[in-house]
Amino acid sequence: MKIKYTAIISILFLIGFTGIAYAQDVGSMIAIRGKAIIERDNKAIEAKIKDRIELKDTIETKQRSKAKMLFIDDSVLTLGEKSKVVIKEFVYSKGRGSSIFNLLDGKMRSIVGKTGFQVETPTAVAAARGTVILFHVGVMDGRKFTTIICLEGMVDVRNIDPKVMGSVTLKPGQMTIVWEGEPPTQPEPATGDLTDRLLRDTDTGFYELSIPGPMQIGVGQGWMEIEPPIGTPPIEQQPGANTTPVTIHPVFPQ
């Protein structure tokens, strides 16, 4: 009995230790222009291409910088300059799951993968599945706001404050603005200038570094290989001594 008891304690200890030693890896950095920071466990790490992204990480871009992330559910997030997003929740297994990202500031383009997807901002909550969305979080005249543009699919939007009643559903080409303490504005056609500007501000550039085969992404205590999703831009990096500039012409959904 003593031997069995000791064995059980040892197993529990190993399980507990393993849970601490292995963070949940949920994605990878696939493009960086300028400087991006990964905040993890109260430490700031300068991000590099192919760096793993873990649950609870905060990704921040500096001035004149952009960053693109690929997640294991095929979702892609691209941050414009001076933007910050937190990987708040991420559950994925066998093609099913959900994720919640907290966009604290700045601009972001999201290509939603196969699972439930939600973005929270200081003023809004946007939920979607299988769509393309543009976000702009900022402050105007002392008031916080979030602009949301739907490019594909449908997006449900409400104020992040549950006391503020009212929600809207965006269809392709529509936008809404969520001001602090107010329900979303009624959907209206997104102007071409605004859409083009947000697309441009979340475009990481035209310098490519091709992916040599499947990407390896840590999952829990193990590893899995995934092929880059169809339509996802290849890994990009800033021009350097060992890079060759290649001009491409991406086609964005209208």
Protein backbone atom coordinates (compact mmCIF):
# COMPACT_ATOMS: atom_id res chain seq x y z
CA MET A 1 0.00 0.00 0.00
CA LYS A 2 2.86 2.34 0.84
CA ILE A 3 4.43 1.74 -2.57
CA LYS A 4 1.15 2.41 -4.36
CA TYR A 5 0.56 5.57 -2.36
CA THR A 6 4.06 6.84 -3.21
CA ALA A 7 3.49 6.04 -6.88
CA ILE A 8 0.22 7.98 -6.93
CA ILE A 9 1.86 11.02 -5.32
CA SER A 10 4.69 10.84 -7.88
CA ILE A 11 2.24 10.73 -10.78
CA LEU A 12 0.27 13.69 -9.42
CA PHE A 13 3.48 15.64 -8.95
CA LEU A 14 4.56 14.93 -12.53
CA ILE A 15 1.16 15.98 -13.88
CA GLY A 16 1.27 19.20 -11.90
CA PHE A 17 4.83 19.92 -12.97
CA THR A 18 4.04 19.21 -16.60
CA GLY A 19 1.12 21.62 -16.51
CA ILE A 20 3.47 24.35 -15.35
CA ALA A 21 6.35 23.52 -17.67
CA TYR A 22 4.36 23.38 -20.88
CA ALA A 23 2.37 26.44 -21.91
CA GLN A 24 -0.39 26.11 -24.47
CA ASP A 25 0.99 27.11 -27.84
CA VAL A 26 -1.77 28.36 -30.12
CA GLY A 27 -0.05 29.97 -33.10
CA SER A 28 3.05 31.40 -34.71
CA MET A 29 4.41 34.74 -35.92
CA ILE A 30 4.49 34.63 -39.72
CA ALA A 31 5.36 38.23 -40.65
CA ILE A 32 6.97 41.20 -38.92
CA ARG A 33 7.78 44.65 -40.25
CA GLY A 34 9.56 46.93 -37.86
CA LYS A 35 9.39 45.86 -34.23
CA ALA A 36 6.83 43.71 -32.40
CA ILE A 37 6.88 42.66 -28.75
CA ILE A 38 5.50 39.52 -27.11
CA GLU A 39 4.63 40.07 -23.45
CA ARG A 40 4.65 36.77 -21.56
CA ASP A 41 4.89 36.07 -17.83
CA ASN A 42 5.67 39.73 -17.11
CA LYS A 43 8.56 39.67 -19.57
CA ALA A 44 8.88 41.51 -22.89
CA ILE A 45 10.36 39.52 -25.78
CA GLU A 46 11.16 41.02 -29.17
CA ALA A 47 9.19 38.90 -31.63
CA LYS A 48 10.82 37.10 -34.54
CA ILE A 49 9.38 35.21 -37.49
CA LYS A 50 8.28 31.66 -36.53
CA ASP A 51 8.17 32.51 -32.81
CA ARG A 52 5.43 30.55 -31.09
CA ILE A 53 2.41 32.36 -29.62
CA GLU A 54 1.02 31.12 -26.33
CA LEU A 55 -2.30 31.50 -24.60
CA LYS A 56 -2.43 34.74 -22.56
CA ASP A 57 0.35 36.36 -24.62
CA THR A 58 0.08 40.06 -25.43
CA ILE A 59 1.33 41.06 -28.88
CA GLU A 60 2.23 44.72 -29.40
CA THR A 61 3.54 46.55 -32.46
CA LYS A 62 5.61 49.71 -32.23
CA GLN A 63 5.53 52.82 -34.41
CA ARG A 64 5.78 52.09 -38.15
CA SER A 65 5.58 48.38 -37.40
CA LYS A 66 3.18 45.55 -38.29
CA ALA A 67 2.84 41.89 -37.39
CA LYS A 68 0.92 38.90 -38.70
CA MET A 69 -0.01 35.76 -36.75
CA LEU A 70 -1.28 32.35 -37.90
CA PHE A 71 -3.22 30.24 -35.39
CA ILE A 72 -3.80 26.50 -35.28
CA ASP A 73 -7.49 26.91 -36.22
CA ASP A 74 -6.40 28.65 -39.47
CA SER A 75 -7.29 32.13 -38.17
CA VAL A 76 -4.95 34.95 -39.19
CA LEU A 77 -4.56 38.25 -37.33
CA THR A 78 -2.62 41.20 -38.72
CA LEU A 79 -1.84 44.17 -36.47
CA GLY A 80 -1.19 47.68 -37.75
CA GLU A 81 1.28 50.01 -36.09
CA LYS A 82 0.98 50.87 -32.39
CA SER A 83 -1.58 48.12 -31.82
CA LYS A 84 -1.97 45.66 -28.97
CA VAL A 85 -3.92 42.39 -28.73
CA VAL A 86 -4.21 39.78 -25.97
CA ILE A 87 -4.79 36.06 -26.63
CA LYS A 88 -7.49 35.85 -23.97
CA GLU A 89 -9.00 32.40 -24.61
CA PHE A 90 -8.25 29.66 -27.12
CA VAL A 91 -9.76 26.18 -27.25
CA TYR A 92 -9.17 23.93 -30.25
CA SER A 93 -9.39 20.18 -30.77
CA LYS A 94 -10.17 18.06 -33.83
CA GLY A 95 -11.44 20.97 -35.88
CA ARG A 96 -13.69 22.36 -33.17
CA GLY A 97 -13.21 25.14 -30.66
CA SER A 98 -13.43 28.86 -29.96
CA SER A 99 -11.16 31.82 -29.39
CA ILE A 100 -11.39 35.25 -27.79
CA PHE A 101 -8.95 38.05 -28.60
CA ASN A 102 -8.83 41.33 -26.70
CA LEU A 103 -7.83 44.21 -29.01
CA LEU A 104 -6.77 46.91 -26.58
CA ASP A 105 -5.71 49.55 -29.09
CA GLY A 106 -4.91 50.14 -32.73
CA LYS A 107 -5.92 48.44 -35.97
CA MET A 108 -6.36 44.77 -36.82
CA ARG A 109 -7.41 42.65 -39.76
CA SER A 110 -8.79 39.21 -38.93
CA ILE A 111 -9.36 36.22 -41.19
CA VAL A 112 -11.53 33.89 -39.14
CA GLY A 113 -10.75 30.19 -39.28
CA LYS A 114 -12.94 27.15 -38.75
CA THR A 115 -14.03 27.77 -35.17
CA GLY A 116 -15.98 30.29 -33.10
CA PHE A 117 -14.20 33.64 -33.05
CA GLN A 118 -14.69 36.68 -30.85
CA VAL A 119 -12.89 39.99 -30.53
CA GLU A 120 -13.34 42.21 -27.50
CA THR A 121 -12.30 45.86 -27.45
CA PRO A 122 -12.67 48.58 -24.79
CA THR A 123 -16.15 49.32 -26.21
CA ALA A 124 -17.32 46.39 -28.35
CA VAL A 125 -17.73 42.64 -28.74
CA ALA A 126 -17.70 41.16 -32.26
CA ALA A 127 -18.48 37.48 -32.86
CA ALA A 128 -18.14 35.66 -36.18
CA ARG A 129 -17.27 32.41 -37.91
CA GLY A 130 -15.53 32.09 -41.26
CA THR A 131 -15.31 35.76 -42.20
CA VAL A 132 -12.93 38.69 -42.75
CA ILE A 133 -13.16 41.69 -40.41
CA LEU A 134 -11.35 45.01 -40.00
CA PHE A 135 -11.08 46.74 -36.62
CA HIS A 136 -9.99 50.20 -35.49
CA VAL A 137 -9.85 50.99 -31.77
CA GLY A 138 -9.11 54.54 -30.69
CA VAL A 139 -10.14 57.69 -28.85
CA MET A 140 -11.85 60.73 -30.38
CA ASP A 141 -12.69 63.88 -28.41
CA GLY A 142 -11.96 61.99 -25.20
CA ARG A 143 -14.34 59.13 -26.05
CA LYS A 144 -13.32 55.56 -26.80
CA PHE A 145 -14.65 54.00 -29.98
CA THR A 146 -14.37 50.88 -32.13
CA THR A 147 -14.97 50.84 -35.88
CA ILE A 148 -15.79 47.42 -37.33
CA ILE A 149 -16.02 46.60 -41.05
CA CYS A 150 -17.22 43.24 -42.35
CA LEU A 151 -15.63 42.15 -45.64
CA GLU A 152 -16.95 38.58 -45.80
CA GLY A 153 -19.53 36.52 -43.95
CA MET A 154 -21.53 38.05 -41.08
CA VAL A 155 -20.51 39.65 -37.79
CA ASP A 156 -22.64 40.15 -34.68
CA VAL A 157 -21.68 43.29 -32.74
CA ARG A 158 -22.73 44.68 -29.35
CA ASN A 159 -21.34 46.99 -26.68
CA ILE A 160 -18.96 45.28 -24.26
CA ASP A 161 -20.95 46.73 -21.36
CA PRO A 162 -23.85 44.28 -20.77
CA LYS A 163 -25.91 47.16 -19.41
CA VAL A 164 -25.93 48.79 -22.86
CA MET A 165 -28.74 47.13 -24.78
CA GLY A 166 -28.84 46.60 -28.53
CA SER A 167 -26.85 44.70 -31.14
CA VAL A 168 -26.40 44.67 -34.91
CA THR A 169 -25.38 42.13 -37.55
CA LEU A 170 -23.00 43.25 -40.26
CA LYS A 171 -23.12 41.83 -43.77
CA PRO A 172 -20.29 42.07 -46.34
CA GLY A 173 -19.40 45.69 -47.10
CA GLN A 174 -21.10 47.08 -43.98
CA MET A 175 -19.65 48.86 -40.95
CA THR A 176 -20.66 50.03 -37.50
CA ILE A 177 -19.12 52.23 -34.80
CA VAL A 178 -19.41 51.37 -31.11
CA TRP A 179 -18.91 54.34 -28.82
CA GLU A 180 -18.27 53.97 -25.12
CA GLY A 181 -21.60 53.59 -23.31
CA GLU A 182 -23.67 53.44 -26.52
CA PRO A 183 -25.13 50.62 -28.65
CA PRO A 184 -23.58 49.99 -32.08
CA THR A 185 -24.62 52.40 -34.79
CA GLN A 186 -26.93 50.96 -37.43
CA PRO A 187 -25.06 49.10 -40.21
CA GLU A 188 -24.16 51.29 -43.16
CA PRO A 189 -22.03 50.83 -46.29
CA ALA A 190 -18.34 51.11 -45.49
CA THR A 191 -16.69 53.83 -47.54
CA GLY A 192 -14.03 52.75 -49.97
CA ASP A 193 -11.51 55.20 -48.52
CA LEU A 194 -11.90 53.88 -44.99
CA THR A 195 -11.76 50.24 -46.07
CA ASP A 196 -8.71 50.84 -48.26
CA ARG A 197 -6.95 52.71 -45.46
CA LEU A 198 -7.52 49.92 -42.93
CA LEU A 199 -6.42 47.29 -45.44
CA ARG A 200 -3.30 49.30 -46.17
CA ASP A 201 -2.59 49.88 -42.48
CA THR A 202 -2.78 46.12 -41.81
CA ASP A 203 -0.73 45.03 -44.84
CA THR A 204 2.68 43.67 -43.79
CA GLY A 205 4.37 44.38 -47.12
CA PHE A 206 5.75 42.69 -50.20
CA TYR A 207 8.86 40.89 -48.96
CA GLU A 208 8.41 37.15 -48.76
CA LEU A 209 10.12 34.22 -47.13
CA SER A 210 8.45 31.00 -48.26
CA ILE A 211 7.50 28.33 -45.75
CA PRO A 212 9.60 25.15 -46.24
CA GLY A 213 6.82 22.60 -45.86
CA PRO A 214 4.28 22.25 -43.04
CA MET A 215 4.57 24.58 -40.06
CA GLN A 216 5.26 22.99 -36.68
CA ILE A 217 3.21 24.42 -33.85
CA GLY A 218 3.36 23.23 -30.25
CA VAL A 219 0.08 21.98 -28.84
CA GLY A 220 0.04 21.36 -25.11
CA GLN A 221 2.86 18.91 -24.41
CA GLY A 222 3.22 17.73 -27.99
CA TRP A 223 3.68 19.00 -31.51
CA MET A 224 1.54 18.93 -34.60
CA GLU A 225 2.15 19.89 -38.20
CA ILE A 226 -0.28 22.00 -40.18
CA GLU A 227 -0.23 23.17 -43.76
CA PRO A 228 -0.70 26.94 -44.22
CA PRO A 229 -4.39 27.57 -44.99
CA ILE A 230 -5.33 28.31 -48.57
CA GLY A 231 -5.43 32.03 -49.22
CA THR A 232 -3.13 32.89 -46.31
CA PRO A 233 -0.19 35.06 -47.38
CA PRO A 234 3.22 33.39 -46.96
CA ILE A 235 5.64 34.36 -44.23
CA GLU A 236 6.98 37.85 -44.81
CA GLN A 237 9.92 39.69 -43.34
CA GLN A 238 11.64 43.01 -43.75
CA PRO A 239 14.30 43.25 -46.45
CA GLY A 240 17.77 42.41 -45.23
CA ALA A 241 21.12 41.17 -46.37
CA ASN A 242 19.81 37.68 -47.13
CA THR A 243 16.42 38.55 -48.59
CA THR A 244 15.27 39.10 -52.14
CA PRO A 245 12.45 41.60 -52.76
CA VAL A 246 9.52 40.06 -54.59
CA THR A 247 6.56 42.16 -55.67
CA ILE A 248 3.17 40.51 -55.28
CA HIS A 249 -0.33 41.75 -55.86
CA PRO A 250 -2.69 40.39 -53.18
CA VAL A 251 -6.40 40.40 -53.93
CA PHE A 252 -8.57 41.39 -50.96
CA PRO A 253 -12.28 40.57 -50.72
CA GLN A 254 -14.56 43.48 -51.57
